[in-house]
Amino acid sequence: MRVLLLDLDGTLTDPKLGITNCIRHAIQRLGREAPSADELHWCIGPPLIDSLRTLVGPSYAERALALYRERFADIGMFENTLYADIDTVVAAEAARDRRIFLATSKPHVFAKPILEHFGLASHFAGIYGSELDGTRIEKPDLLSYIVEREGISAGDAIMVGDRRFDVEGARAIGAVSIWADWGYGEDAERDAARPDMVCRSPIDLKDMLERL
């Protein structure tokens, strides 16, 4: 398998601080009481607009998204940390001449500077995410777009992510799905999604990828 597709939030980086701070900022700017950061874990990974519809209601979700991005673009995207050893995994895969692509529901205009900030961008053959208008926010749509644009053959790719959306996207394109168990997906979500493989840590992932 010559292609590796990687999710961002909950797989490469732990974005809890930035995402939850920006959601709380948006809700407070709407004049409402915001949940605590720990009550917003479920928002990390799914398309943000869907989470905001649940939090503030459909009529206010677009306004909340604009307020979220107001803070995220300047501050929130860098309130973020790399998971331990994940940089080693990415570098090792790049050295093996595996083509690596980022596949995130986050808009690519934010995803690229995050990878550059952590010194990972040079390892990627392509950085893919959604558009600001929500185009390709769903993982099956995004992965299908990457496969078509990059000429990736069915069965030639591995998708690594921590939420059911990543598994669903992998299934849509015939890729092997690997669950990143260090991320934000709960055990019940993982078991219901039925990924092909589960990795407990980035080092576990490195060993698994060397065998594929």
N, C-alpha and C. Protein backbone atom coordinates (compact mmCIF):
# COMPACT_ATOMS: atom_id res chain seq x y z
N MET A 1 0.85 -1.19 0.00
CA MET A 1 0.00 0.00 0.00
C MET A 1 0.88 1.24 0.00
N ARG A 2 0.75 2.02 -1.06
CA ARG A 2 1.71 3.11 -1.26
C ARG A 2 1.22 4.47 -0.79
N VAL A 3 -0.04 4.54 -0.31
CA VAL A 3 -0.62 5.84 0.05
C VAL A 3 -1.10 5.81 1.49
N LEU A 4 -0.74 6.86 2.24
CA LEU A 4 -1.17 7.01 3.62
C LEU A 4 -1.97 8.30 3.76
N LEU A 5 -3.21 8.17 4.20
CA LEU A 5 -4.09 9.31 4.44
C LEU A 5 -4.21 9.52 5.94
N LEU A 6 -3.92 10.73 6.39
CA LEU A 6 -3.91 11.00 7.83
C LEU A 6 -4.91 12.09 8.19
N ASP A 7 -5.69 11.81 9.22
CA ASP A 7 -6.54 12.83 9.83
C ASP A 7 -5.63 13.79 10.61
N LEU A 8 -6.18 14.94 10.99
CA LEU A 8 -5.39 15.92 11.74
C LEU A 8 -5.76 15.93 13.23
N ASP A 9 -6.94 16.48 13.54
CA ASP A 9 -7.35 16.63 14.94
C ASP A 9 -7.60 15.26 15.58
N GLY A 10 -6.91 15.02 16.69
CA GLY A 10 -7.08 13.75 17.38
C GLY A 10 -6.24 12.63 16.83
N THR A 11 -5.49 12.90 15.77
CA THR A 11 -4.62 11.89 15.17
C THR A 11 -3.17 12.37 15.14
N LEU A 12 -2.93 13.50 14.50
CA LEU A 12 -1.59 14.10 14.51
C LEU A 12 -1.42 15.05 15.69
N THR A 13 -2.45 15.84 15.95
CA THR A 13 -2.35 16.85 17.02
C THR A 13 -3.51 16.75 17.98
N ASP A 14 -3.25 17.23 19.20
CA ASP A 14 -4.31 17.37 20.21
C ASP A 14 -4.75 18.83 20.20
N PRO A 15 -5.91 19.11 19.60
CA PRO A 15 -6.35 20.49 19.41
C PRO A 15 -7.33 20.97 20.47
N LYS A 16 -7.45 20.20 21.57
CA LYS A 16 -8.51 20.49 22.54
C LYS A 16 -8.53 21.95 22.98
N LEU A 17 -7.40 22.48 23.37
CA LEU A 17 -7.37 23.84 23.91
C LEU A 17 -7.90 24.85 22.90
N GLY A 18 -7.39 24.79 21.67
CA GLY A 18 -7.81 25.77 20.67
C GLY A 18 -9.26 25.63 20.27
N ILE A 19 -9.70 24.40 20.01
CA ILE A 19 -11.07 24.20 19.56
C ILE A 19 -12.07 24.58 20.65
N THR A 20 -11.83 24.11 21.86
CA THR A 20 -12.79 24.40 22.93
C THR A 20 -12.78 25.88 23.30
N ASN A 21 -11.62 26.51 23.31
CA ASN A 21 -11.57 27.95 23.59
C ASN A 21 -12.34 28.75 22.55
N CYS A 22 -12.22 28.34 21.29
CA CYS A 22 -12.89 29.07 20.21
C CYS A 22 -14.40 28.83 20.21
N ILE A 23 -14.82 27.61 20.54
CA ILE A 23 -16.25 27.35 20.65
C ILE A 23 -16.84 28.16 21.80
N ARG A 24 -16.14 28.17 22.93
CA ARG A 24 -16.63 28.92 24.08
C ARG A 24 -16.68 30.43 23.77
N HIS A 25 -15.67 30.91 23.05
CA HIS A 25 -15.64 32.31 22.61
C HIS A 25 -16.87 32.63 21.76
N ALA A 26 -17.18 31.76 20.81
CA ALA A 26 -18.32 32.00 19.91
C ALA A 26 -19.64 32.02 20.69
N ILE A 27 -19.80 31.06 21.58
CA ILE A 27 -21.05 30.99 22.35
C ILE A 27 -21.21 32.20 23.26
N GLN A 28 -20.12 32.60 23.90
CA GLN A 28 -20.17 33.76 24.78
C GLN A 28 -20.45 35.04 24.00
N ARG A 29 -19.89 35.14 22.79
CA ARG A 29 -20.16 36.32 21.96
C ARG A 29 -21.62 36.38 21.53
N LEU A 30 -22.29 35.25 21.53
CA LEU A 30 -23.72 35.21 21.24
C LEU A 30 -24.55 35.54 22.48
N GLY A 31 -23.87 35.82 23.60
CA GLY A 31 -24.57 36.19 24.83
C GLY A 31 -25.09 35.02 25.62
N ARG A 32 -24.48 33.87 25.42
CA ARG A 32 -24.94 32.67 26.12
C ARG A 32 -23.86 32.14 27.05
N GLU A 33 -24.27 31.31 27.97
CA GLU A 33 -23.30 30.66 28.86
C GLU A 33 -22.69 29.48 28.14
N ALA A 34 -21.38 29.41 28.12
CA ALA A 34 -20.68 28.36 27.38
C ALA A 34 -20.40 27.15 28.26
N PRO A 35 -20.48 25.94 27.70
CA PRO A 35 -20.07 24.74 28.45
C PRO A 35 -18.57 24.81 28.76
N SER A 36 -18.14 24.01 29.71
CA SER A 36 -16.72 23.93 30.01
C SER A 36 -16.00 23.21 28.88
N ALA A 37 -14.67 23.35 28.87
CA ALA A 37 -13.87 22.68 27.83
C ALA A 37 -14.08 21.17 27.86
N ASP A 38 -14.15 20.59 29.04
CA ASP A 38 -14.31 19.13 29.14
C ASP A 38 -15.66 18.66 28.64
N GLU A 39 -16.64 19.54 28.62
CA GLU A 39 -17.97 19.18 28.11
C GLU A 39 -18.05 19.28 26.58
N LEU A 40 -16.95 19.72 25.96
CA LEU A 40 -16.95 19.93 24.51
C LEU A 40 -16.07 18.94 23.75
N HIS A 41 -15.62 17.88 24.44
CA HIS A 41 -14.77 16.88 23.77
C HIS A 41 -15.42 16.32 22.52
N TRP A 42 -16.72 16.13 22.57
CA TRP A 42 -17.43 15.50 21.46
C TRP A 42 -17.39 16.34 20.18
N CYS A 43 -17.01 17.62 20.32
CA CYS A 43 -16.94 18.51 19.16
C CYS A 43 -15.63 18.35 18.38
N ILE A 44 -14.68 17.61 18.92
CA ILE A 44 -13.37 17.48 18.28
C ILE A 44 -13.40 16.31 17.30
N GLY A 45 -13.40 16.62 16.03
CA GLY A 45 -13.40 15.58 15.01
C GLY A 45 -14.53 15.71 14.01
N PRO A 46 -15.79 15.76 14.46
CA PRO A 46 -16.89 15.91 13.48
C PRO A 46 -16.86 17.27 12.81
N PRO A 47 -17.56 17.42 11.68
CA PRO A 47 -17.67 18.75 11.07
C PRO A 47 -18.17 19.77 12.10
N LEU A 48 -17.45 20.87 12.23
CA LEU A 48 -17.74 21.84 13.28
C LEU A 48 -19.14 22.43 13.17
N ILE A 49 -19.60 22.68 11.96
CA ILE A 49 -20.92 23.30 11.80
C ILE A 49 -22.01 22.42 12.40
N ASP A 50 -21.85 21.10 12.32
CA ASP A 50 -22.83 20.19 12.91
C ASP A 50 -22.84 20.32 14.43
N SER A 51 -21.66 20.42 15.02
CA SER A 51 -21.57 20.59 16.47
C SER A 51 -22.19 21.91 16.91
N LEU A 52 -21.94 22.96 16.14
CA LEU A 52 -22.49 24.27 16.48
C LEU A 52 -24.01 24.29 16.34
N ARG A 53 -24.54 23.57 15.39
CA ARG A 53 -26.01 23.49 15.27
C ARG A 53 -26.61 22.87 16.52
N THR A 54 -25.92 21.88 17.07
CA THR A 54 -26.39 21.24 18.30
C THR A 54 -26.25 22.19 19.48
N LEU A 55 -25.17 22.93 19.53
CA LEU A 55 -24.88 23.79 20.69
C LEU A 55 -25.73 25.05 20.73
N VAL A 56 -25.94 25.69 19.58
CA VAL A 56 -26.62 27.00 19.59
C VAL A 56 -27.91 27.02 18.76
N GLY A 57 -28.19 25.91 18.08
CA GLY A 57 -29.38 25.87 17.25
C GLY A 57 -29.07 26.22 15.80
N PRO A 58 -29.80 25.66 14.85
CA PRO A 58 -29.54 25.87 13.43
C PRO A 58 -29.53 27.33 13.00
N SER A 59 -30.42 28.18 13.62
CA SER A 59 -30.49 29.58 13.16
C SER A 59 -29.27 30.41 13.52
N TYR A 60 -28.51 29.96 14.54
CA TYR A 60 -27.35 30.73 14.99
C TYR A 60 -26.02 30.07 14.63
N ALA A 61 -26.09 28.91 14.01
CA ALA A 61 -24.85 28.15 13.78
C ALA A 61 -23.87 28.86 12.86
N GLU A 62 -24.36 29.48 11.79
CA GLU A 62 -23.45 30.15 10.86
C GLU A 62 -22.78 31.35 11.53
N ARG A 63 -23.53 32.08 12.33
CA ARG A 63 -22.95 33.22 13.06
C ARG A 63 -21.91 32.72 14.06
N ALA A 64 -22.23 31.62 14.74
CA ALA A 64 -21.28 31.04 15.70
C ALA A 64 -20.01 30.59 14.99
N LEU A 65 -20.15 30.03 13.79
CA LEU A 65 -18.98 29.59 13.02
C LEU A 65 -18.08 30.78 12.67
N ALA A 66 -18.68 31.88 12.27
CA ALA A 66 -17.90 33.09 11.94
C ALA A 66 -17.16 33.60 13.18
N LEU A 67 -17.82 33.57 14.32
CA LEU A 67 -17.19 34.02 15.57
C LEU A 67 -16.07 33.07 15.98
N TYR A 68 -16.29 31.79 15.78
CA TYR A 68 -15.26 30.78 16.07
C TYR A 68 -14.01 31.06 15.23
N ARG A 69 -14.21 31.26 13.94
CA ARG A 69 -13.07 31.46 13.05
C ARG A 69 -12.36 32.78 13.33
N GLU A 70 -13.09 33.74 13.83
CA GLU A 70 -12.51 35.04 14.19
C GLU A 70 -11.35 34.85 15.17
N ARG A 71 -11.53 33.96 16.15
CA ARG A 71 -10.49 33.71 17.13
C ARG A 71 -9.52 32.63 16.65
N PHE A 72 -10.05 31.62 15.95
CA PHE A 72 -9.23 30.49 15.55
C PHE A 72 -8.11 30.90 14.60
N ALA A 73 -8.41 31.80 13.66
CA ALA A 73 -7.43 32.20 12.64
C ALA A 73 -6.22 32.88 13.25
N ASP A 74 -6.40 33.60 14.34
CA ASP A 74 -5.30 34.35 14.95
C ASP A 74 -4.63 33.61 16.11
N ILE A 75 -5.43 32.88 16.88
CA ILE A 75 -4.92 32.30 18.13
C ILE A 75 -5.16 30.80 18.20
N GLY A 76 -6.41 30.40 17.98
CA GLY A 76 -6.84 29.05 18.29
C GLY A 76 -6.12 27.94 17.56
N MET A 77 -5.75 28.16 16.30
CA MET A 77 -5.12 27.07 15.55
C MET A 77 -3.76 26.68 16.12
N PHE A 78 -3.14 27.59 16.86
CA PHE A 78 -1.83 27.31 17.44
C PHE A 78 -1.90 26.92 18.91
N GLU A 79 -3.12 26.90 19.48
CA GLU A 79 -3.32 26.34 20.82
C GLU A 79 -3.49 24.83 20.63
N ASN A 80 -2.41 24.17 20.36
CA ASN A 80 -2.43 22.84 19.77
C ASN A 80 -1.10 22.17 20.09
N THR A 81 -1.08 20.87 20.26
CA THR A 81 0.18 20.17 20.52
C THR A 81 0.24 18.89 19.68
N LEU A 82 1.45 18.54 19.27
CA LEU A 82 1.66 17.26 18.58
C LEU A 82 1.56 16.13 19.59
N TYR A 83 0.95 15.02 19.18
CA TYR A 83 0.99 13.84 20.03
C TYR A 83 2.43 13.30 20.04
N ALA A 84 2.83 12.78 21.17
CA ALA A 84 4.19 12.25 21.32
C ALA A 84 4.47 11.18 20.26
N ASP A 85 5.60 11.30 19.62
CA ASP A 85 6.13 10.34 18.64
C ASP A 85 5.44 10.38 17.28
N ILE A 86 4.40 11.19 17.11
CA ILE A 86 3.71 11.18 15.82
C ILE A 86 4.59 11.76 14.72
N ASP A 87 5.46 12.71 15.07
CA ASP A 87 6.38 13.27 14.07
C ASP A 87 7.35 12.19 13.57
N THR A 88 7.75 11.29 14.46
CA THR A 88 8.62 10.17 14.07
C THR A 88 7.92 9.25 13.09
N VAL A 89 6.64 9.01 13.33
CA VAL A 89 5.86 8.15 12.43
C VAL A 89 5.78 8.76 11.04
N VAL A 90 5.45 10.03 10.97
CA VAL A 90 5.30 10.71 9.68
C VAL A 90 6.63 10.73 8.92
N ALA A 91 7.70 11.06 9.62
CA ALA A 91 9.02 11.11 8.98
C ALA A 91 9.44 9.73 8.48
N ALA A 92 9.17 8.69 9.26
CA ALA A 92 9.55 7.34 8.86
C ALA A 92 8.79 6.89 7.62
N GLU A 93 7.49 7.24 7.57
CA GLU A 93 6.69 6.86 6.40
C GLU A 93 7.13 7.62 5.15
N ALA A 94 7.47 8.88 5.32
CA ALA A 94 7.96 9.66 4.18
C ALA A 94 9.28 9.09 3.67
N ALA A 95 10.13 8.64 4.59
CA ALA A 95 11.43 8.07 4.20
C ALA A 95 11.26 6.75 3.45
N ARG A 96 10.14 6.08 3.66
CA ARG A 96 9.86 4.82 2.96
C ARG A 96 9.22 5.07 1.60
N ASP A 97 9.14 6.34 1.20
CA ASP A 97 8.56 6.71 -0.09
C ASP A 97 7.07 6.40 -0.19
N ARG A 98 6.40 6.35 0.94
CA ARG A 98 4.95 6.25 0.92
C ARG A 98 4.40 7.65 0.71
N ARG A 99 3.46 7.81 -0.20
CA ARG A 99 2.85 9.13 -0.43
C ARG A 99 1.88 9.42 0.71
N ILE A 100 2.09 10.56 1.36
CA ILE A 100 1.29 10.91 2.53
C ILE A 100 0.42 12.12 2.20
N PHE A 101 -0.86 12.00 2.53
CA PHE A 101 -1.79 13.10 2.32
C PHE A 101 -2.54 13.40 3.61
N LEU A 102 -2.71 14.67 3.89
CA LEU A 102 -3.58 15.05 4.99
C LEU A 102 -5.01 15.02 4.49
N ALA A 103 -5.91 14.44 5.29
CA ALA A 103 -7.33 14.39 4.95
C ALA A 103 -8.13 14.77 6.18
N THR A 104 -8.45 16.07 6.28
CA THR A 104 -9.13 16.58 7.46
C THR A 104 -10.40 17.33 7.08
N SER A 105 -11.40 17.26 7.96
CA SER A 105 -12.63 18.03 7.76
C SER A 105 -12.40 19.51 8.02
N LYS A 106 -11.31 19.82 8.68
CA LYS A 106 -10.95 21.23 8.93
C LYS A 106 -10.64 21.91 7.60
N PRO A 107 -11.02 23.18 7.43
CA PRO A 107 -10.66 23.87 6.19
C PRO A 107 -9.16 23.83 5.94
N HIS A 108 -8.78 23.56 4.68
CA HIS A 108 -7.35 23.42 4.36
C HIS A 108 -6.59 24.73 4.59
N VAL A 109 -7.28 25.87 4.58
CA VAL A 109 -6.57 27.14 4.83
C VAL A 109 -6.06 27.22 6.26
N PHE A 110 -6.64 26.43 7.16
CA PHE A 110 -6.15 26.35 8.54
C PHE A 110 -5.20 25.16 8.71
N ALA A 111 -5.50 24.07 8.01
CA ALA A 111 -4.71 22.85 8.18
C ALA A 111 -3.26 23.03 7.74
N LYS A 112 -3.05 23.71 6.62
CA LYS A 112 -1.69 23.87 6.11
C LYS A 112 -0.79 24.63 7.09
N PRO A 113 -1.21 25.81 7.63
CA PRO A 113 -0.33 26.48 8.58
C PRO A 113 -0.09 25.69 9.87
N ILE A 114 -1.05 24.84 10.24
CA ILE A 114 -0.83 24.01 11.43
C ILE A 114 0.30 23.02 11.17
N LEU A 115 0.27 22.35 10.01
CA LEU A 115 1.35 21.42 9.68
C LEU A 115 2.69 22.15 9.55
N GLU A 116 2.67 23.33 8.97
CA GLU A 116 3.90 24.12 8.85
C GLU A 116 4.42 24.52 10.23
N HIS A 117 3.53 24.89 11.12
CA HIS A 117 3.91 25.29 12.48
C HIS A 117 4.65 24.16 13.20
N PHE A 118 4.24 22.93 12.95
CA PHE A 118 4.87 21.79 13.62
C PHE A 118 5.99 21.15 12.79
N GLY A 119 6.32 21.75 11.65
CA GLY A 119 7.41 21.24 10.84
C GLY A 119 7.10 19.94 10.12
N LEU A 120 5.84 19.68 9.86
CA LEU A 120 5.45 18.42 9.22
C LEU A 120 5.09 18.57 7.75
N ALA A 121 4.81 19.77 7.30
CA ALA A 121 4.24 19.99 5.96
C ALA A 121 5.11 19.39 4.85
N SER A 122 6.41 19.44 5.00
CA SER A 122 7.30 18.97 3.93
C SER A 122 7.21 17.46 3.69
N HIS A 123 6.65 16.72 4.65
CA HIS A 123 6.52 15.27 4.50
C HIS A 123 5.28 14.89 3.68
N PHE A 124 4.40 15.85 3.43
CA PHE A 124 3.11 15.55 2.80
C PHE A 124 3.15 15.83 1.30
N ALA A 125 2.63 14.88 0.53
CA ALA A 125 2.50 15.07 -0.91
C ALA A 125 1.32 15.97 -1.24
N GLY A 126 0.39 16.11 -0.30
CA GLY A 126 -0.76 16.99 -0.49
C GLY A 126 -1.46 17.22 0.83
N ILE A 127 -2.01 18.41 0.99
CA ILE A 127 -2.73 18.79 2.22
C ILE A 127 -4.16 19.10 1.81
N TYR A 128 -5.08 18.22 2.19
CA TYR A 128 -6.47 18.35 1.78
C TYR A 128 -7.38 18.56 2.99
N GLY A 129 -8.34 19.46 2.81
CA GLY A 129 -9.36 19.70 3.82
C GLY A 129 -10.60 20.23 3.15
N SER A 130 -11.55 20.66 3.96
CA SER A 130 -12.77 21.23 3.39
C SER A 130 -12.52 22.66 2.92
N GLU A 131 -13.50 23.21 2.22
CA GLU A 131 -13.49 24.63 1.87
C GLU A 131 -14.23 25.40 2.97
N LEU A 132 -14.02 26.70 3.04
CA LEU A 132 -14.67 27.50 4.07
C LEU A 132 -16.19 27.48 3.94
N ASP A 133 -16.69 27.21 2.74
CA ASP A 133 -18.14 27.17 2.54
C ASP A 133 -18.74 25.79 2.87
N GLY A 134 -17.91 24.87 3.36
CA GLY A 134 -18.40 23.55 3.75
C GLY A 134 -18.25 22.48 2.68
N THR A 135 -17.79 22.84 1.51
CA THR A 135 -17.57 21.84 0.46
C THR A 135 -16.55 20.80 0.94
N ARG A 136 -16.87 19.55 0.72
CA ARG A 136 -16.03 18.40 1.10
C ARG A 136 -15.78 18.31 2.60
N ILE A 137 -16.76 18.72 3.40
CA ILE A 137 -16.60 18.62 4.85
C ILE A 137 -16.83 17.20 5.34
N GLU A 138 -17.58 16.40 4.55
CA GLU A 138 -17.81 15.01 4.91
C GLU A 138 -16.65 14.15 4.42
N LYS A 139 -16.18 13.24 5.26
CA LYS A 139 -14.99 12.46 4.92
C LYS A 139 -15.14 11.61 3.65
N PRO A 140 -16.26 10.94 3.43
CA PRO A 140 -16.36 10.20 2.16
C PRO A 140 -16.20 11.09 0.94
N ASP A 141 -16.77 12.29 0.99
CA ASP A 141 -16.63 13.23 -0.13
C ASP A 141 -15.18 13.68 -0.29
N LEU A 142 -14.54 13.99 0.83
CA LEU A 142 -13.16 14.46 0.81
C LEU A 142 -12.22 13.38 0.27
N LEU A 143 -12.36 12.16 0.78
CA LEU A 143 -11.45 11.09 0.36
C LEU A 143 -11.69 10.70 -1.10
N SER A 144 -12.94 10.73 -1.53
CA SER A 144 -13.22 10.46 -2.95
C SER A 144 -12.57 11.51 -3.84
N TYR A 145 -12.58 12.75 -3.39
CA TYR A 145 -11.95 13.85 -4.13
C TYR A 145 -10.43 13.64 -4.21
N ILE A 146 -9.82 13.26 -3.09
CA ILE A 146 -8.37 13.04 -3.08
C ILE A 146 -7.99 11.90 -4.02
N VAL A 147 -8.73 10.80 -3.94
CA VAL A 147 -8.45 9.63 -4.79
C VAL A 147 -8.52 10.00 -6.26
N GLU A 148 -9.54 10.75 -6.62
CA GLU A 148 -9.70 11.14 -8.03
C GLU A 148 -8.60 12.11 -8.46
N ARG A 149 -8.33 13.11 -7.62
CA ARG A 149 -7.36 14.13 -7.98
C ARG A 149 -5.94 13.59 -8.06
N GLU A 150 -5.61 12.65 -7.17
CA GLU A 150 -4.24 12.14 -7.09
C GLU A 150 -4.04 10.83 -7.85
N GLY A 151 -5.11 10.31 -8.45
CA GLY A 151 -4.97 9.07 -9.21
C GLY A 151 -4.63 7.87 -8.34
N ILE A 152 -5.25 7.80 -7.18
CA ILE A 152 -4.98 6.70 -6.24
C ILE A 152 -5.88 5.52 -6.58
N SER A 153 -5.30 4.35 -6.69
CA SER A 153 -6.07 3.15 -7.02
C SER A 153 -6.80 2.62 -5.79
N ALA A 154 -7.97 2.06 -6.02
CA ALA A 154 -8.73 1.44 -4.93
C ALA A 154 -7.89 0.34 -4.30
N GLY A 155 -7.91 0.25 -3.00
CA GLY A 155 -7.16 -0.76 -2.30
C GLY A 155 -5.69 -0.44 -2.11
N ASP A 156 -5.27 0.76 -2.52
CA ASP A 156 -3.86 1.13 -2.42
C ASP A 156 -3.60 2.10 -1.27
N ALA A 157 -4.63 2.40 -0.47
CA ALA A 157 -4.49 3.44 0.55
C ALA A 157 -4.85 2.95 1.95
N ILE A 158 -4.25 3.62 2.93
CA ILE A 158 -4.53 3.40 4.35
C ILE A 158 -5.01 4.73 4.92
N MET A 159 -6.12 4.72 5.65
CA MET A 159 -6.63 5.92 6.30
C MET A 159 -6.51 5.76 7.80
N VAL A 160 -5.87 6.74 8.45
CA VAL A 160 -5.69 6.71 9.90
C VAL A 160 -6.47 7.88 10.51
N GLY A 161 -7.36 7.57 11.44
CA GLY A 161 -8.13 8.62 12.10
C GLY A 161 -8.73 8.12 13.41
N ASP A 162 -9.33 9.04 14.15
CA ASP A 162 -9.82 8.70 15.49
C ASP A 162 -11.33 8.79 15.65
N ARG A 163 -12.06 9.00 14.54
CA ARG A 163 -13.51 9.11 14.65
C ARG A 163 -14.17 8.23 13.58
N ARG A 164 -15.46 7.96 13.76
CA ARG A 164 -16.18 7.09 12.82
C ARG A 164 -16.18 7.65 11.40
N PHE A 165 -16.10 8.98 11.28
CA PHE A 165 -16.10 9.62 9.97
C PHE A 165 -14.91 9.16 9.14
N ASP A 166 -13.78 8.93 9.81
CA ASP A 166 -12.57 8.47 9.11
C ASP A 166 -12.75 7.05 8.59
N VAL A 167 -13.39 6.21 9.40
CA VAL A 167 -13.63 4.83 8.98
C VAL A 167 -14.64 4.81 7.83
N GLU A 168 -15.68 5.62 7.95
CA GLU A 168 -16.68 5.69 6.88
C GLU A 168 -16.05 6.18 5.57
N GLY A 169 -15.16 7.16 5.67
CA GLY A 169 -14.48 7.66 4.49
C GLY A 169 -13.59 6.60 3.86
N ALA A 170 -12.86 5.88 4.70
CA ALA A 170 -11.99 4.81 4.19
C ALA A 170 -12.81 3.75 3.48
N ARG A 171 -13.93 3.38 4.07
CA ARG A 171 -14.79 2.36 3.47
C ARG A 171 -15.32 2.82 2.11
N ALA A 172 -15.61 4.10 2.00
CA ALA A 172 -16.17 4.64 0.75
C ALA A 172 -15.20 4.53 -0.42
N ILE A 173 -13.90 4.55 -0.13
CA ILE A 173 -12.91 4.49 -1.22
C ILE A 173 -12.16 3.15 -1.27
N GLY A 174 -12.56 2.22 -0.43
CA GLY A 174 -11.91 0.92 -0.42
C GLY A 174 -10.55 0.91 0.23
N ALA A 175 -10.30 1.86 1.15
CA ALA A 175 -9.02 1.93 1.86
C ALA A 175 -9.07 1.11 3.15
N VAL A 176 -7.93 0.70 3.63
CA VAL A 176 -7.82 0.09 4.95
C VAL A 176 -7.97 1.19 5.99
N SER A 177 -8.75 0.94 7.02
CA SER A 177 -8.94 1.94 8.08
C SER A 177 -8.20 1.53 9.34
N ILE A 178 -7.43 2.47 9.88
CA ILE A 178 -6.73 2.26 11.16
C ILE A 178 -7.25 3.29 12.15
N TRP A 179 -7.70 2.82 13.29
CA TRP A 179 -8.26 3.69 14.34
C TRP A 179 -7.13 4.16 15.25
N ALA A 180 -7.03 5.48 15.43
CA ALA A 180 -6.05 6.08 16.35
C ALA A 180 -6.68 6.15 17.73
N ASP A 181 -6.37 5.20 18.57
CA ASP A 181 -7.06 5.06 19.85
C ASP A 181 -6.64 6.11 20.88
N TRP A 182 -5.61 6.89 20.55
CA TRP A 182 -5.18 7.95 21.45
C TRP A 182 -5.98 9.24 21.24
N GLY A 183 -6.84 9.26 20.25
CA GLY A 183 -7.60 10.47 19.92
C GLY A 183 -8.88 10.61 20.72
N TYR A 184 -9.89 11.23 20.11
CA TYR A 184 -11.09 11.62 20.85
C TYR A 184 -12.29 10.71 20.63
N GLY A 185 -12.17 9.70 19.79
CA GLY A 185 -13.28 8.76 19.62
C GLY A 185 -13.42 7.87 20.85
N GLU A 186 -14.64 7.70 21.31
CA GLU A 186 -14.90 6.82 22.45
C GLU A 186 -14.87 5.36 22.03
N ASP A 187 -14.74 4.47 23.01
CA ASP A 187 -14.69 3.03 22.72
C ASP A 187 -15.94 2.57 21.98
N ALA A 188 -17.11 3.07 22.41
CA ALA A 188 -18.36 2.64 21.77
C ALA A 188 -18.41 3.08 20.31
N GLU A 189 -17.91 4.29 20.04
CA GLU A 189 -17.87 4.78 18.66
C GLU A 189 -16.93 3.93 17.81
N ARG A 190 -15.79 3.60 18.37
CA ARG A 190 -14.82 2.75 17.66
C ARG A 190 -15.42 1.38 17.34
N ASP A 191 -16.06 0.79 18.32
CA ASP A 191 -16.60 -0.56 18.13
C ASP A 191 -17.74 -0.55 17.11
N ALA A 192 -18.55 0.52 17.12
CA ALA A 192 -19.65 0.61 16.16
C ALA A 192 -19.13 0.88 14.75
N ALA A 193 -18.03 1.63 14.65
CA ALA A 193 -17.46 1.96 13.33
C ALA A 193 -16.79 0.77 12.66
N ARG A 194 -16.27 -0.16 13.46
CA ARG A 194 -15.62 -1.37 12.96
C ARG A 194 -14.44 -1.08 12.02
N PRO A 195 -13.42 -0.38 12.53
CA PRO A 195 -12.22 -0.17 11.71
C PRO A 195 -11.51 -1.49 11.45
N ASP A 196 -10.70 -1.51 10.41
CA ASP A 196 -9.97 -2.74 10.10
C ASP A 196 -8.92 -3.06 11.16
N MET A 197 -8.31 -2.02 11.70
CA MET A 197 -7.25 -2.21 12.70
C MET A 197 -7.35 -1.10 13.75
N VAL A 198 -6.80 -1.36 14.93
CA VAL A 198 -6.78 -0.37 16.01
C VAL A 198 -5.35 -0.24 16.52
N CYS A 199 -4.88 1.01 16.65
CA CYS A 199 -3.55 1.27 17.22
C CYS A 199 -3.71 2.02 18.53
N ARG A 200 -2.99 1.58 19.53
CA ARG A 200 -3.11 2.19 20.86
C ARG A 200 -2.25 3.43 21.02
N SER A 201 -1.18 3.55 20.22
CA SER A 201 -0.26 4.68 20.36
C SER A 201 0.40 4.95 19.02
N PRO A 202 1.00 6.13 18.84
CA PRO A 202 1.73 6.39 17.59
C PRO A 202 2.84 5.39 17.30
N ILE A 203 3.52 4.92 18.33
CA ILE A 203 4.59 3.93 18.11
C ILE A 203 3.99 2.61 17.64
N ASP A 204 2.85 2.26 18.20
CA ASP A 204 2.12 1.07 17.74
C ASP A 204 1.75 1.24 16.26
N LEU A 205 1.34 2.46 15.89
CA LEU A 205 1.02 2.75 14.50
C LEU A 205 2.25 2.58 13.61
N LYS A 206 3.38 3.08 14.06
CA LYS A 206 4.62 2.97 13.27
C LYS A 206 4.93 1.50 12.98
N ASP A 207 4.82 0.66 14.00
CA ASP A 207 5.10 -0.77 13.81
C ASP A 207 4.11 -1.41 12.84
N MET A 208 2.83 -1.01 12.98
CA MET A 208 1.81 -1.58 12.11
C MET A 208 2.02 -1.18 10.66
N LEU A 209 2.34 0.09 10.43
CA LEU A 209 2.54 0.57 9.06
C LEU A 209 3.74 -0.09 8.41
N GLU A 210 4.74 -0.43 9.18
CA GLU A 210 5.92 -1.10 8.62
C GLU A 210 5.57 -2.50 8.11
N ARG A 211 4.49 -3.07 8.63
CA ARG A 211 4.08 -4.41 8.21
C ARG A 211 3.10 -4.39 7.03
N LEU A 212 2.58 -3.22 6.69
CA LEU A 212 1.57 -3.13 5.63
C LEU A 212 2.22 -2.75 4.29
